[in-house]
Amino acid sequence: GAPDAAVARDLARSIAASSLVKAAIFGADPNWGRILATVGARAGSQNYAVDPHRASVAIQGMPVFERGEPVLTDAPALRAKMRAPEVRVEVKLDGGTGAATAWGCDLGYDYVKLNADYTSLIVQTADGGLAKDDRLTNYSPSFKRKLIVEALSYISKFSGTRCVIKYGGSAMSKPALEQAFCDDIKLLRSVGLQPIVVHGGGPEITRTLAKLGHPTPEFVDGMRVTSPSDLQVVDMVLGSINSHLVTLLNLDGAHALGISGKDGALLRAKKLVPSSGRDLGHVGEITSVNASVIEMLLGQGFVPVISPVALGDDGQSYNVSADSAAGAIAIALKAQKLIYLTDAPGILQHGELVTDLTSADLERKLPDVDDSWRIKLRAMIEALRGGVGRVHVIDGRTPHSVIAELFTDRGVGTLVTP
């Protein structure tokens, strides 16, 4: 709708180059005002026959401004769409037939920081390449003071705190994330916290079963149907994961000791029967936790690393949910904190991170989440009912998210309280 293609191209480039528009895109803010202000400023400076008040604006296909007034009806849904890798902004003018498309990028914290500190943060590597030197020494004195004072206040507060961490998802699949997690556990222990790690292993179990020619896994209500032969593979894979994690932790000086839920009858379970009545095989639900086993390890300064296989009263072994196991262990230990590492920024609503929730909020969410998240939410609710002080849901795909959640004022994920 521009007077001609040249004007359309100039206005499109102005929008794509606007720092205010870029920042709004980064923040998933459907700010039509910044877009039309850019159009108006450029049109006015170049004497284009364009009236921005008669324009219409759509973002990600959703109208936000038409006929001189805002028309956005579902802002949360649009913000969720704006989290996509590509964001499309469409401006329709009423001044002709000219049309054009311009491409740009958003403007985020890291982009500004990287370019502002380029000479101090970008270094040449031995092979001639470039790398980012993000050590604290490269930052301003005021930033370092603020960061250290903030962290020290939490270190003092959390000394002696028991913290059960459910470790799973992408955090287990990438060496860099594994190492970052081990560093976090070592730091937690060094400042006086008592971390207890409960790990999963679902993706690796699925891959191993496929390699061994087992049928495609079937899930009912988020739980894997587990035959006797499948259980042998589950035991083997979880044992391997446990050993690998303990090795990494001990190489890092974390003083870890790995155990199965069957060791010392740590986890007792009964056969899980879902509401459908379907036979899930060797899948169990936890009936009791022998906390004295973990108490003994904590008393000797160990970091317990627990695999979620339980012992039944019938003498059978049962595959149990690592999410549920972490919650049950946190209750038995009277842990002040329970942390879930997930493949999401935290608990989302309309694609947006929700930073604070209560157990009542989780109850209301149960009907609207998928089976895997329903298991997590139920475990969180039970943990809070059982006396656990706080539950944290954080992104395991981000290095050192455990430290960032616990030792900063705002955290990085979702905090759930009773």
Protein backbone atom coordinates (compact mmCIF):
# COMPACT_ATOMS: atom_id res chain seq x y z
CA GLY A 1 0.00 0.00 0.00
CA ALA A 2 2.97 2.38 -0.34
CA PRO A 3 3.06 5.02 -3.11
CA ASP A 4 5.64 2.94 -5.00
CA ALA A 5 8.09 0.05 -4.53
CA ALA A 6 10.99 2.32 -3.59
CA VAL A 7 9.02 3.93 -0.74
CA ALA A 8 7.79 0.52 0.41
CA ARG A 9 11.36 -0.79 0.46
CA ASP A 10 12.62 2.24 2.43
CA LEU A 11 9.84 1.98 5.03
CA ALA A 12 10.28 -1.78 5.39
CA ARG A 13 14.00 -1.36 5.97
CA SER A 14 13.33 1.37 8.53
CA ILE A 15 11.06 -0.94 10.53
CA ALA A 16 13.54 -3.82 10.35
CA ALA A 17 16.39 -1.52 11.43
CA SER A 18 14.58 0.23 14.28
CA SER A 19 16.25 -0.55 17.63
CA LEU A 20 12.92 -0.05 19.43
CA VAL A 21 11.15 -2.50 17.12
CA LYS A 22 14.02 -4.98 17.42
CA ALA A 23 13.88 -4.81 21.22
CA ALA A 24 10.11 -5.32 21.19
CA ILE A 25 10.50 -8.38 18.97
CA PHE A 26 13.12 -9.79 21.35
CA GLY A 27 10.74 -9.30 24.28
CA ALA A 28 7.79 -10.83 22.38
CA ASP A 29 5.99 -7.49 22.75
CA PRO A 30 3.35 -6.91 20.00
CA ASN A 31 4.07 -3.18 20.07
CA TRP A 32 2.28 -1.74 17.05
CA GLY A 33 3.02 1.79 18.31
CA ARG A 34 6.75 1.44 17.73
CA ILE A 35 6.14 0.06 14.24
CA LEU A 36 3.83 2.89 13.15
CA ALA A 37 6.01 5.52 14.86
CA THR A 38 8.90 4.29 12.73
CA VAL A 39 6.75 4.50 9.60
CA GLY A 40 5.58 8.00 10.51
CA ALA A 41 9.06 9.30 11.35
CA ARG A 42 10.58 7.99 8.13
CA ALA A 43 7.68 9.15 5.98
CA GLY A 44 7.79 12.62 7.55
CA SER A 45 11.56 13.02 7.08
CA GLN A 46 11.34 11.97 3.40
CA ASN A 47 8.03 13.72 2.59
CA TYR A 48 6.32 10.47 1.60
CA ALA A 49 2.57 10.62 0.97
CA VAL A 50 1.85 8.15 3.77
CA ASP A 51 -0.56 8.48 6.71
CA PRO A 52 0.30 5.93 9.43
CA HIS A 53 -3.07 6.51 11.13
CA ARG A 54 -4.76 4.83 8.16
CA ALA A 55 -2.42 1.86 8.24
CA SER A 56 -3.10 -1.64 9.52
CA VAL A 57 -0.53 -3.83 11.29
CA ALA A 58 -0.44 -7.60 11.76
CA ILE A 59 2.18 -9.63 13.63
CA GLN A 60 2.50 -13.36 12.99
CA GLY A 61 -0.74 -13.14 11.00
CA MET A 62 -2.72 -11.67 13.91
CA PRO A 63 -4.12 -8.11 13.45
CA VAL A 64 -2.96 -5.66 16.13
CA PHE A 65 -3.99 -2.29 14.63
CA GLU A 66 -6.73 -1.44 12.14
CA ARG A 67 -8.79 1.63 11.20
CA GLY A 68 -7.02 3.90 13.62
CA GLU A 69 -7.24 1.76 16.75
CA PRO A 70 -5.71 -1.33 18.38
CA VAL A 71 -7.56 -4.58 17.73
CA LEU A 72 -5.47 -7.25 19.44
CA THR A 73 -7.80 -9.66 21.27
CA ASP A 74 -5.46 -12.40 22.49
CA ALA A 75 -2.13 -10.90 23.56
CA PRO A 76 -0.83 -14.03 25.39
CA ALA A 77 -1.39 -16.18 22.28
CA LEU A 78 0.42 -13.65 20.09
CA ARG A 79 3.34 -13.38 22.51
CA ALA A 80 3.67 -17.16 22.39
CA LYS A 81 3.79 -17.02 18.57
CA MET A 82 6.44 -14.31 18.79
CA ARG A 83 8.77 -16.78 20.54
CA ALA A 84 9.21 -18.53 17.18
CA PRO A 85 12.58 -18.20 15.37
CA GLU A 86 10.95 -16.05 12.68
CA VAL A 87 8.53 -13.18 13.37
CA ARG A 88 6.56 -11.69 10.48
CA VAL A 89 5.40 -8.05 10.73
CA GLU A 90 2.98 -6.85 8.03
CA VAL A 91 2.13 -3.18 7.53
CA LYS A 92 -0.58 -2.20 5.03
CA LEU A 93 -0.75 1.44 4.00
CA ASP A 94 -3.42 3.24 2.03
CA GLY A 95 -1.23 5.17 -0.36
CA GLY A 96 -0.72 3.11 -3.51
CA THR A 97 0.34 -0.29 -4.81
CA GLY A 98 4.02 -0.39 -3.79
CA ALA A 99 5.14 -3.46 -1.79
CA ALA A 100 8.43 -4.70 -0.38
CA THR A 101 9.93 -7.07 2.19
CA ALA A 102 12.89 -6.39 4.48
CA TRP A 103 14.69 -8.76 6.82
CA GLY A 104 16.27 -7.93 10.17
CA CYS A 105 17.17 -9.44 13.54
CA ASP A 106 15.99 -8.79 17.07
CA LEU A 107 18.02 -6.87 19.65
CA GLY A 108 18.73 -8.87 22.82
CA TYR A 109 20.87 -8.53 25.92
CA ASP A 110 23.58 -10.85 24.66
CA TYR A 111 23.87 -9.01 21.33
CA VAL A 112 24.37 -5.67 23.08
CA LYS A 113 26.75 -7.11 25.67
CA LEU A 114 28.80 -8.95 23.06
CA ASN A 115 29.26 -5.87 20.89
CA ALA A 116 29.76 -3.48 23.81
CA ASP A 117 32.50 -5.65 25.30
CA TYR A 118 33.88 -7.01 22.04
CA THR A 119 37.56 -6.30 22.65
CA SER A 120 37.55 -7.75 26.17
CA LEU A 121 35.27 -10.75 25.60
CA ILE A 122 36.39 -12.02 22.19
CA VAL A 123 39.78 -13.75 22.16
CA GLN A 124 41.77 -15.64 19.58
CA THR A 125 42.19 -19.37 20.11
CA ALA A 126 45.33 -21.44 19.51
CA ASP A 127 44.02 -22.66 16.15
CA GLY A 128 43.38 -19.12 14.92
CA GLY A 129 39.65 -19.07 15.58
CA LEU A 130 37.65 -16.83 17.89
CA ALA A 131 36.09 -17.65 21.25
CA LYS A 132 34.16 -15.85 23.95
CA ASP A 133 36.04 -15.22 27.20
CA ASP A 134 33.13 -14.74 29.62
CA ARG A 135 35.09 -14.81 32.88
CA LEU A 136 33.86 -12.60 35.69
CA THR A 137 37.13 -10.64 35.62
CA ASN A 138 36.09 -9.10 32.30
CA TYR A 139 33.04 -7.37 33.77
CA SER A 140 32.72 -4.00 35.43
CA PRO A 141 33.47 -3.65 39.16
CA SER A 142 29.88 -2.63 39.95
CA PHE A 143 28.48 -5.71 38.20
CA LYS A 144 30.91 -8.00 40.04
CA ARG A 145 30.05 -6.44 43.41
CA LYS A 146 26.32 -6.81 42.83
CA LEU A 147 26.63 -10.41 41.66
CA ILE A 148 28.85 -11.51 44.54
CA VAL A 149 26.80 -9.78 47.26
CA GLU A 150 23.59 -11.29 45.86
CA ALA A 151 25.07 -14.79 45.71
CA LEU A 152 26.62 -14.59 49.19
CA SER A 153 23.28 -13.71 50.77
CA TYR A 154 21.80 -16.95 49.41
CA ILE A 155 24.84 -19.04 50.30
CA SER A 156 24.43 -18.02 53.94
CA LYS A 157 20.68 -18.62 53.81
CA PHE A 158 20.88 -22.09 52.26
CA SER A 159 23.71 -23.59 54.33
CA GLY A 160 22.56 -26.99 55.60
CA THR A 161 19.57 -27.07 53.23
CA ARG A 162 18.60 -30.41 51.72
CA CYS A 163 17.89 -30.20 48.02
CA VAL A 164 16.55 -33.09 45.91
CA ILE A 165 17.29 -32.63 42.21
CA LYS A 166 15.56 -34.60 39.49
CA TYR A 167 18.11 -34.79 36.67
CA GLY A 168 16.88 -35.66 33.19
CA GLY A 169 16.14 -34.51 29.65
CA SER A 170 18.69 -32.70 27.51
CA ALA A 171 20.87 -32.00 30.55
CA MET A 172 21.86 -35.70 30.40
CA SER A 173 22.47 -35.88 26.66
CA LYS A 174 25.15 -33.26 25.99
CA PRO A 175 28.65 -33.47 27.52
CA ALA A 176 28.85 -29.71 28.11
CA LEU A 177 25.54 -29.73 30.01
CA GLU A 178 26.59 -32.81 31.99
CA GLN A 179 29.78 -31.06 33.04
CA ALA A 180 27.92 -27.88 33.97
CA PHE A 181 25.52 -29.90 36.12
CA CYS A 182 28.39 -31.65 37.90
CA ASP A 183 30.02 -28.26 38.53
CA ASP A 184 26.75 -27.04 40.05
CA ILE A 185 26.50 -30.05 42.37
CA LYS A 186 30.08 -29.58 43.51
CA LEU A 187 29.40 -25.90 44.23
CA LEU A 188 26.18 -26.67 46.13
CA ARG A 189 28.05 -29.11 48.32
CA SER A 190 30.97 -26.74 48.86
CA VAL A 191 28.71 -23.98 50.23
CA GLY A 192 26.94 -26.26 52.69
CA LEU A 193 23.89 -27.55 50.83
CA GLN A 194 23.12 -31.27 50.79
CA PRO A 195 22.19 -32.22 47.20
CA ILE A 196 20.48 -35.54 46.44
CA VAL A 197 20.29 -36.45 42.75
CA VAL A 198 17.54 -38.64 41.24
CA HIS A 199 18.14 -39.31 37.55
CA GLY A 200 15.92 -40.50 34.74
CA GLY A 201 16.93 -42.20 31.50
CA GLY A 202 13.85 -42.57 29.30
CA PRO A 203 15.38 -41.54 25.94
CA GLU A 204 18.43 -43.78 26.40
CA ILE A 205 16.19 -46.70 27.44
CA THR A 206 14.12 -46.21 24.28
CA ARG A 207 17.25 -46.14 22.08
CA THR A 208 18.71 -49.25 23.71
CA LEU A 209 15.46 -51.19 23.41
CA ALA A 210 15.31 -50.33 19.71
CA LYS A 211 18.93 -51.44 19.17
CA LEU A 212 18.13 -54.77 20.84
CA GLY A 213 15.12 -55.32 18.61
CA HIS A 214 12.41 -54.81 21.22
CA PRO A 215 8.99 -53.64 19.99
CA THR A 216 8.29 -49.92 19.78
CA PRO A 217 7.62 -48.74 23.35
CA GLU A 218 4.04 -48.10 24.38
CA PHE A 219 3.11 -45.42 26.88
CA VAL A 220 -0.09 -45.33 28.92
CA ASP A 221 -0.81 -42.17 30.94
CA GLY A 222 2.83 -41.17 30.46
CA MET A 223 4.24 -44.45 31.84
CA ARG A 224 6.23 -46.93 29.75
CA VAL A 225 4.66 -50.39 29.49
CA THR A 226 7.51 -52.57 30.80
CA SER A 227 7.71 -56.30 30.10
CA PRO A 228 10.07 -58.59 32.06
CA SER A 229 12.63 -58.44 29.23
CA ASP A 230 12.21 -54.66 29.00
CA LEU A 231 12.87 -54.39 32.74
CA GLN A 232 16.25 -56.04 32.32
CA VAL A 233 17.18 -53.36 29.79
CA VAL A 234 15.80 -50.61 32.05
CA ASP A 235 17.94 -51.93 34.92
CA MET A 236 21.01 -52.09 32.70
CA VAL A 237 20.60 -48.62 31.18
CA LEU A 238 19.81 -46.89 34.47
CA GLY A 239 22.80 -48.62 36.06
CA SER A 240 25.03 -47.38 33.25
CA ILE A 241 23.71 -43.82 33.53
CA ASN A 242 24.16 -43.91 37.29
CA SER A 243 27.75 -45.11 37.01
CA HIS A 244 28.58 -42.53 34.34
CA LEU A 245 27.14 -39.65 36.39
CA VAL A 246 28.88 -40.77 39.59
CA THR A 247 32.18 -40.95 37.70
CA LEU A 248 31.78 -37.42 36.36
CA LEU A 249 30.84 -36.07 39.77
CA ASN A 250 33.76 -37.74 41.50
CA LEU A 251 36.22 -36.53 38.87
CA ASP A 252 34.95 -33.10 39.78
CA GLY A 253 35.41 -33.71 43.51
CA ALA A 254 31.73 -33.99 44.41
CA HIS A 255 32.12 -37.13 46.61
CA ALA A 256 29.17 -38.92 44.96
CA LEU A 257 27.90 -42.44 45.59
CA GLY A 258 25.46 -44.18 43.26
CA ILE A 259 22.66 -46.46 44.41
CA SER A 260 19.58 -48.09 42.95
CA GLY A 261 16.20 -47.70 44.57
CA LYS A 262 16.44 -51.41 45.35
CA ASP A 263 19.64 -51.00 47.40
CA GLY A 264 18.81 -51.15 51.10
CA ALA A 265 15.14 -51.31 50.05
CA LEU A 266 15.40 -47.56 49.54
CA LEU A 267 12.29 -47.45 47.35
CA ARG A 268 9.36 -49.78 47.93
CA ALA A 269 6.61 -49.98 45.34
CA LYS A 270 3.48 -51.81 44.34
CA LYS A 271 2.26 -52.60 40.85
CA LEU A 272 0.75 -49.51 39.24
CA VAL A 273 -2.75 -50.01 37.87
CA PRO A 274 -3.93 -47.02 35.81
CA SER A 275 -7.55 -45.86 35.77
CA SER A 276 -8.04 -47.67 32.45
CA GLY A 277 -7.16 -50.96 34.12
CA ARG A 278 -4.47 -51.63 31.51
CA ASP A 279 -1.66 -53.96 32.62
CA LEU A 280 1.55 -51.92 32.45
CA GLY A 281 3.80 -54.83 33.35
CA HIS A 282 6.67 -54.01 35.73
CA VAL A 283 5.64 -50.44 36.40
CA GLY A 284 5.21 -49.44 40.00
CA GLU A 285 4.07 -46.62 42.23
CA ILE A 286 6.15 -45.85 45.32
CA THR A 287 4.67 -46.88 48.65
CA SER A 288 7.55 -46.03 51.00
CA VAL A 289 11.06 -44.56 51.14
CA ASN A 290 13.73 -45.88 53.50
CA ALA A 291 15.16 -42.48 54.36
CA SER A 292 17.75 -43.96 56.72
CA VAL A 293 19.79 -45.17 53.72
CA ILE A 294 20.13 -41.62 52.39
CA GLU A 295 20.58 -40.18 55.88
CA MET A 296 23.57 -42.49 56.35
CA LEU A 297 25.15 -41.29 53.08
CA LEU A 298 24.52 -37.63 53.83
CA GLY A 299 25.95 -38.09 57.31
CA GLN A 300 29.21 -39.29 55.77
CA GLY A 301 29.38 -36.38 53.34
CA PHE A 302 28.30 -38.22 50.18
CA VAL A 303 26.12 -36.92 47.38
CA PRO A 304 23.58 -39.74 46.80
CA VAL A 305 22.86 -40.43 43.11
CA ILE A 306 19.72 -42.57 42.83
CA SER A 307 18.29 -44.55 39.91
CA PRO A 308 14.48 -44.99 39.92
CA VAL A 309 14.02 -48.76 40.19
CA ALA A 310 12.00 -49.97 43.18
CA LEU A 311 11.53 -53.22 45.08
CA GLY A 312 8.05 -54.66 45.45
CA ASP A 313 6.67 -56.56 48.45
CA ASP A 314 6.12 -59.41 45.99
CA GLY A 315 9.87 -59.60 45.39
CA GLN A 316 9.60 -58.13 41.89
CA SER A 317 11.49 -55.11 40.59
CA TYR A 318 9.48 -52.15 39.30
CA ASN A 319 10.27 -49.30 36.95
CA VAL A 320 9.03 -46.10 38.64
CA SER A 321 8.79 -42.53 37.45
CA ALA A 322 11.92 -40.53 38.30
CA ASP A 323 9.69 -37.49 38.81
CA SER A 324 7.58 -39.34 41.37
CA ALA A 325 10.66 -40.86 43.01
CA ALA A 326 12.25 -37.43 43.46
CA GLY A 327 9.09 -36.11 45.09
CA ALA A 328 8.73 -39.10 47.42
CA ILE A 329 12.40 -38.89 48.46
CA ALA A 330 12.08 -35.16 49.12
CA ILE A 331 9.11 -35.81 51.43
CA ALA A 332 10.89 -38.61 53.29
CA LEU A 333 13.99 -36.46 53.84
CA LYS A 334 11.97 -33.38 54.80
CA ALA A 335 13.88 -31.54 52.08
CA GLN A 336 13.45 -27.80 51.87
CA LYS A 337 13.84 -27.76 48.09
CA LEU A 338 12.90 -29.99 45.17
CA ILE A 339 14.26 -29.10 41.72
CA TYR A 340 13.13 -30.49 38.37
CA LEU A 341 15.40 -30.05 35.34
CA THR A 342 13.22 -30.09 32.22
CA ASP A 343 13.43 -29.34 28.51
CA ALA A 344 11.44 -26.12 28.97
CA PRO A 345 12.21 -22.74 30.58
CA GLY A 346 9.87 -23.72 33.41
CA ILE A 347 6.10 -24.02 33.59
CA LEU A 348 4.55 -22.17 30.67
CA GLN A 349 1.19 -20.55 30.07
CA HIS A 350 0.33 -19.50 26.51
CA GLY A 351 3.99 -20.09 25.70
CA GLU A 352 5.16 -17.63 28.38
CA LEU A 353 7.19 -18.57 31.46
CA VAL A 354 5.22 -18.32 34.70
CA THR A 355 7.69 -17.41 37.43
CA ASP A 356 5.53 -18.02 40.53
CA LEU A 357 2.77 -20.56 41.17
CA THR A 358 1.09 -22.30 44.09
CA SER A 359 0.09 -25.94 44.45
CA ALA A 360 -3.53 -24.84 43.86
CA ASP A 361 -2.44 -23.35 40.52
CA LEU A 362 -0.86 -26.69 39.58
CA GLU A 363 -4.10 -28.50 40.43
CA ARG A 364 -5.96 -26.30 37.98
CA LYS A 365 -3.39 -27.01 35.26
CA LEU A 366 -3.63 -30.82 35.49
CA PRO A 367 -6.42 -31.26 32.89
CA ASP A 368 -4.61 -29.09 30.33
CA VAL A 369 -1.14 -30.69 30.22
CA ASP A 370 0.15 -33.81 28.48
CA ASP A 371 0.71 -37.09 30.31
CA SER A 372 4.42 -36.57 31.02
CA TRP A 373 3.85 -33.14 32.53
CA ARG A 374 0.85 -34.43 34.47
CA ILE A 375 3.13 -36.90 36.25
CA LYS A 376 5.53 -34.06 37.10
CA LEU A 377 2.80 -31.75 38.36
CA ARG A 378 1.25 -34.46 40.53
CA ALA A 379 4.66 -35.24 42.02
CA MET A 380 5.13 -31.55 42.81
CA ILE A 381 1.71 -31.24 44.41
CA GLU A 382 2.28 -34.32 46.57
CA ALA A 383 5.71 -33.05 47.60
CA LEU A 384 4.33 -29.69 48.71
CA ARG A 385 1.51 -31.41 50.60
CA GLY A 386 4.10 -33.66 52.21
CA GLY A 387 6.05 -30.77 53.69
CA VAL A 388 8.60 -29.86 51.01
CA GLY A 389 9.16 -26.12 51.27
CA ARG A 390 9.58 -25.12 47.64
CA VAL A 391 9.63 -26.71 44.19
CA HIS A 392 11.69 -25.22 41.36
CA VAL A 393 11.15 -26.07 37.68
CA ILE A 394 14.09 -24.97 35.52
CA ASP A 395 15.56 -25.39 32.05
CA GLY A 396 18.11 -28.20 31.96
CA ARG A 397 19.20 -27.09 28.48
CA THR A 398 20.85 -23.99 29.95
CA PRO A 399 24.24 -24.47 31.66
CA HIS A 400 24.37 -23.73 35.41
CA SER A 401 20.62 -23.17 35.65
CA VAL A 402 20.59 -24.78 39.12
CA ILE A 403 23.00 -22.15 40.46
CA ALA A 404 21.20 -19.30 38.69
CA GLU A 405 17.85 -20.41 40.14
CA LEU A 406 19.03 -20.76 43.73
CA PHE A 407 21.56 -17.96 44.09
CA THR A 408 19.94 -14.98 42.34
CA ASP A 409 17.04 -12.76 43.37
CA ARG A 410 14.75 -13.50 40.44
CA GLY A 411 15.84 -17.04 39.55
CA VAL A 412 15.48 -18.38 36.03
CA GLY A 413 12.52 -20.79 36.14
CA THR A 414 9.23 -21.37 37.94
CA LEU A 415 8.98 -21.36 41.74
CA VAL A 416 6.06 -23.33 43.20
CA THR A 417 5.05 -22.82 46.82
CA PRO A 418 2.35 -24.46 48.99
